[in-house]
C-alpha atoms as a PDB file:
ATOM      1  CA  UNK A   1      14.003  13.002  18.448  1.00  0.00           C
ATOM      2  CA  UNK A   2      11.035  10.722  17.391  1.00  0.00           C
ATOM      3  CA  UNK A   3       7.479  11.140  17.422  1.00  0.00           C
ATOM      4  CA  UNK A   4       5.564   9.189  19.324  1.00  0.00           C
ATOM      5  CA  UNK A   5       2.830   6.973  18.120  1.00  0.00           C
ATOM      6  CA  UNK A   6       0.751   6.107  21.785  1.00  0.00           C
ATOM      7  CA  UNK A   7      -2.593   6.343  22.006  1.00  0.00           C
ATOM      8  CA  UNK A   8      -3.266   7.804  26.162  1.00  0.00           C
ATOM      9  CA  UNK A   9      -6.626   8.660  25.554  1.00  0.00           C
ATOM     10  CA  UNK A  10      -7.802   5.428  24.636  1.00  0.00           C
ATOM     11  CA  UNK A  11      -9.310   3.518  28.136  1.00  0.00           C
ATOM     12  CA  UNK A  12      -8.395  -0.077  28.973  1.00  0.00           C
ATOM     13  CA  UNK A  13     -10.411  -2.995  29.648  1.00  0.00           C
ATOM     14  CA  UNK A  14     -10.454  -5.684  32.554  1.00  0.00           C
ATOM     15  CA  UNK A  15     -12.918  -3.372  34.965  1.00  0.00           C
ATOM     16  CA  UNK A  16     -10.381  -1.325  36.397  1.00  0.00           C
ATOM     17  CA  UNK A  17     -12.054   1.822  36.779  1.00  0.00           C
ATOM     18  CA  UNK A  18     -10.384   5.327  37.299  1.00  0.00           C
ATOM     19  CA  UNK A  19      -8.524   7.247  35.057  1.00  0.00           C
ATOM     20  CA  UNK A  20      -5.673   5.021  32.915  1.00  0.00           C
ATOM     21  CA  UNK A  21      -1.892   6.473  33.254  1.00  0.00           C
ATOM     22  CA  UNK A  22      -0.311   5.421  30.425  1.00  0.00           C
ATOM     23  CA  UNK A  23       3.514   5.376  30.561  1.00  0.00           C
ATOM     24  CA  UNK A  24       5.337   6.445  26.654  1.00  0.00           C
ATOM     25  CA  UNK A  25       7.400   3.817  25.480  1.00  0.00           C
ATOM     26  CA  UNK A  26      10.652   3.797  23.328  1.00  0.00           C
ATOM     27  CA  UNK A  27       8.689   1.275  20.946  1.00  0.00           C
ATOM     28  CA  UNK A  28       5.658   3.542  20.285  1.00  0.00           C
ATOM     29  CA  UNK A  29       7.706   6.752  18.689  1.00  0.00           C
ATOM     30  CA  UNK A  30       8.343   6.823  14.943  1.00  0.00           C
ATOM     31  CA  UNK A  31      10.213   9.303  12.943  1.00  0.00           C
ATOM     32  CA  UNK A  32       9.384  11.826  10.453  1.00  0.00           C
ATOM     33  CA  UNK A  33       8.603  10.768   6.664  1.00  0.00           C
ATOM     34  CA  UNK A  34      11.076  10.745   4.220  1.00  0.00           C
ATOM     35  CA  UNK A  35       9.629  12.350   1.343  1.00  0.00           C
ATOM     36  CA  UNK A  36      11.162  10.925  -2.041  1.00  0.00           C
ATOM     37  CA  UNK A  37      11.758  12.708  -4.695  1.00  0.00           C
ATOM     38  CA  UNK A  38      13.208  12.146  -8.652  1.00  0.00           C
ATOM     39  CA  UNK A  39      16.884  13.417  -9.379  1.00  0.00           C
ATOM     40  CA  UNK A  40      20.009  12.459 -11.071  1.00  0.00           C
ATOM     41  CA  UNK A  41      21.478   9.335  -8.808  1.00  0.00           C
ATOM     42  CA  UNK A  42      19.422   7.509  -5.789  1.00  0.00           C
ATOM     43  CA  UNK A  43      20.031   8.044  -2.561  1.00  0.00           C
ATOM     44  CA  UNK A  44      19.073   5.686   0.366  1.00  0.00           C
ATOM     45  CA  UNK A  45      18.681   5.846   3.980  1.00  0.00           C
ATOM     46  CA  UNK A  46      20.039   3.257   5.968  1.00  0.00           C
ATOM     47  CA  UNK A  47      17.897   3.191   9.666  1.00  0.00           C
ATOM     48  CA  UNK A  48      17.949   0.553  12.352  1.00  0.00           C
ATOM     49  CA  UNK A  49      14.606  -0.664  13.081  1.00  0.00           C
ATOM     50  CA  UNK A  50      12.798  -2.421  15.872  1.00  0.00           C
ATOM     51  CA  UNK A  51      13.945  -6.174  15.985  1.00  0.00           C
ATOM     52  CA  UNK A  52      17.558  -5.727  15.265  1.00  0.00           C
ATOM     53  CA  UNK A  53      16.374  -5.253  11.426  1.00  0.00           C
ATOM     54  CA  UNK A  54      16.963  -2.384   8.966  1.00  0.00           C
ATOM     55  CA  UNK A  55      14.981  -0.242   6.922  1.00  0.00           C
ATOM     56  CA  UNK A  56      15.931   0.984   3.732  1.00  0.00           C
ATOM     57  CA  UNK A  57      14.114   4.704   2.474  1.00  0.00           C
ATOM     58  CA  UNK A  58      15.011   6.032  -0.830  1.00  0.00           C
ATOM     59  CA  UNK A  59      15.566   9.808  -0.696  1.00  0.00           C
ATOM     60  CA  UNK A  60      16.476  10.375  -4.082  1.00  0.00           C
ATOM     61  CA  UNK A  61      14.569   8.445  -7.158  1.00  0.00           C
ATOM     62  CA  UNK A  62      16.659   8.434 -10.628  1.00  0.00           C
ATOM     63  CA  UNK A  63      14.774   4.736 -12.200  1.00  0.00           C
ATOM     64  CA  UNK A  64      11.995   2.770 -11.809  1.00  0.00           C
ATOM     65  CA  UNK A  65      11.402  -0.900 -11.988  1.00  0.00           C
ATOM     66  CA  UNK A  66       8.413  -1.137 -14.953  1.00  0.00           C
ATOM     67  CA  UNK A  67       6.326  -4.535 -15.017  1.00  0.00           C
ATOM     68  CA  UNK A  68       4.632  -4.487 -18.874  1.00  0.00           C
ATOM     69  CA  UNK A  69       1.814  -6.550 -19.013  1.00  0.00           C
ATOM     70  CA  UNK A  70       1.375  -7.007 -21.856  1.00  0.00           C
ATOM     71  CA  UNK A  71       4.820  -8.419 -22.415  1.00  0.00           C
ATOM     72  CA  UNK A  72       5.283  -9.907 -19.136  1.00  0.00           C
ATOM     73  CA  UNK A  73       8.609  -8.812 -18.297  1.00  0.00           C
ATOM     74  CA  UNK A  74      10.120  -5.916 -16.322  1.00  0.00           C
ATOM     75  CA  UNK A  75      12.663  -3.059 -17.072  1.00  0.00           C
ATOM     76  CA  UNK A  76      14.300  -0.319 -15.751  1.00  0.00           C
ATOM     77  CA  UNK A  77      13.672   2.757 -16.533  1.00  0.00           C
ATOM     78  CA  UNK A  78      14.739   7.039 -16.394  1.00  0.00           C
ATOM     79  CA  UNK A  79      12.306   9.093 -14.383  1.00  0.00           C
ATOM     80  CA  UNK A  80      11.425  12.111 -16.030  1.00  0.00           C
ATOM     81  CA  UNK A  81       9.110  13.565 -13.928  1.00  0.00           C
ATOM     82  CA  UNK A  82       5.797  13.179 -11.519  1.00  0.00           C
ATOM     83  CA  UNK A  83       2.783  14.165 -13.368  1.00  0.00           C
ATOM     84  CA  UNK A  84       0.152  13.203 -10.762  1.00  0.00           C
ATOM     85  CA  UNK A  85      -0.309  12.195  -7.041  1.00  0.00           C
ATOM     86  CA  UNK A  86      -4.120  11.121  -5.991  1.00  0.00           C
ATOM     87  CA  UNK A  87      -2.833  10.880  -2.557  1.00  0.00           C
ATOM     88  CA  UNK A  88      -2.028  14.274  -1.963  1.00  0.00           C
ATOM     89  CA  UNK A  89      -2.354  17.246  -4.458  1.00  0.00           C
ATOM     90  CA  UNK A  90       0.545  18.984  -2.839  1.00  0.00           C
ATOM     91  CA  UNK A  91       2.813  15.537  -3.353  1.00  0.00           C
ATOM     92  CA  UNK A  92       1.629  16.466  -7.187  1.00  0.00           C
ATOM     93  CA  UNK A  93       2.709  19.691  -6.817  1.00  0.00           C
ATOM     94  CA  UNK A  94       6.262  19.544  -5.025  1.00  0.00           C
ATOM     95  CA  UNK A  95       6.840  16.314  -6.986  1.00  0.00           C
ATOM     96  CA  UNK A  96       7.477  13.537  -4.372  1.00  0.00           C
ATOM     97  CA  UNK A  97       7.183   9.738  -5.039  1.00  0.00           C
ATOM     98  CA  UNK A  98       4.933   7.777  -2.732  1.00  0.00           C
ATOM     99  CA  UNK A  99       2.254   4.834  -3.988  1.00  0.00           C
ATOM    100  CA  UNK A 100       0.252   5.537  -6.160  1.00  0.00           C
ATOM    101  CA  UNK A 101       1.809   8.246  -7.854  1.00  0.00           C
ATOM    102  CA  UNK A 102       2.356   8.577 -12.103  1.00  0.00           C
ATOM    103  CA  UNK A 103       5.375   8.982 -13.063  1.00  0.00           C
ATOM    104  CA  UNK A 104       7.051  10.454 -17.088  1.00  0.00           C
ATOM    105  CA  UNK A 105       9.632   7.513 -17.528  1.00  0.00           C
ATOM    106  CA  UNK A 106      11.353   6.862 -20.836  1.00  0.00           C
ATOM    107  CA  UNK A 107       8.971   3.968 -21.359  1.00  0.00           C
ATOM    108  CA  UNK A 108       5.534   6.094 -20.616  1.00  0.00           C
ATOM    109  CA  UNK A 109       3.538   7.077 -17.878  1.00  0.00           C
ATOM    110  CA  UNK A 110       4.249   4.228 -14.586  1.00  0.00           C
ATOM    111  CA  UNK A 111       1.899   3.881 -11.376  1.00  0.00           C
ATOM    112  CA  UNK A 112       4.114   3.534  -8.760  1.00  0.00           C
ATOM    113  CA  UNK A 113       3.156   0.594  -6.678  1.00  0.00           C
ATOM    114  CA  UNK A 114       5.943   0.564  -3.912  1.00  0.00           C
ATOM    115  CA  UNK A 115       6.202   2.356  -0.784  1.00  0.00           C
ATOM    116  CA  UNK A 116       9.546   4.151  -1.485  1.00  0.00           C
ATOM    117  CA  UNK A 117       9.962   5.674   1.436  1.00  0.00           C
ATOM    118  CA  UNK A 118       9.204   2.477   3.401  1.00  0.00           C
ATOM    119  CA  UNK A 119      10.455  -0.173   1.058  1.00  0.00           C
ATOM    120  CA  UNK A 120      13.812   1.136  -0.784  1.00  0.00           C
ATOM    121  CA  UNK A 121      12.603   0.631  -3.645  1.00  0.00           C
ATOM    122  CA  UNK A 122      10.205   2.144  -6.501  1.00  0.00           C
ATOM    123  CA  UNK A 123       8.750   0.250  -8.854  1.00  0.00           C
ATOM    124  CA  UNK A 124       5.532   0.731 -10.666  1.00  0.00           C
ATOM    125  CA  UNK A 125       3.212  -0.362 -13.558  1.00  0.00           C
ATOM    126  CA  UNK A 126       3.272   0.460 -16.872  1.00  0.00           C
ATOM    127  CA  UNK A 127      -0.360   2.576 -17.297  1.00  0.00           C
ATOM    128  CA  UNK A 128      -1.780   2.447 -20.837  1.00  0.00           C
END
């Protein structure tokens, strides 16, 4: 079951008078968000998308690709826990990883730069 993302309240232009009657279309439907959490093994969900394409969504993440600015290289680090999530206080409490979340890893504190629920990968930058 999808979520309808259309806007039926918007008035159409072009000199048409009266109430606009809009029909629901398949391409206006959405999905429930995938809330990525840290875990032991990485779990990715493959979802069919519009235009005969696929989206990868991370359900459980065990590792993060960390870019270290001083050294100019990228390493893969284990996720220990979610320290903070500025986008939503509830996400921080529940330990959900989204863009902007601060993670405690084996390398140090990392700020997430990717969108794990939509990109299919967890990338981040080391925070000093």
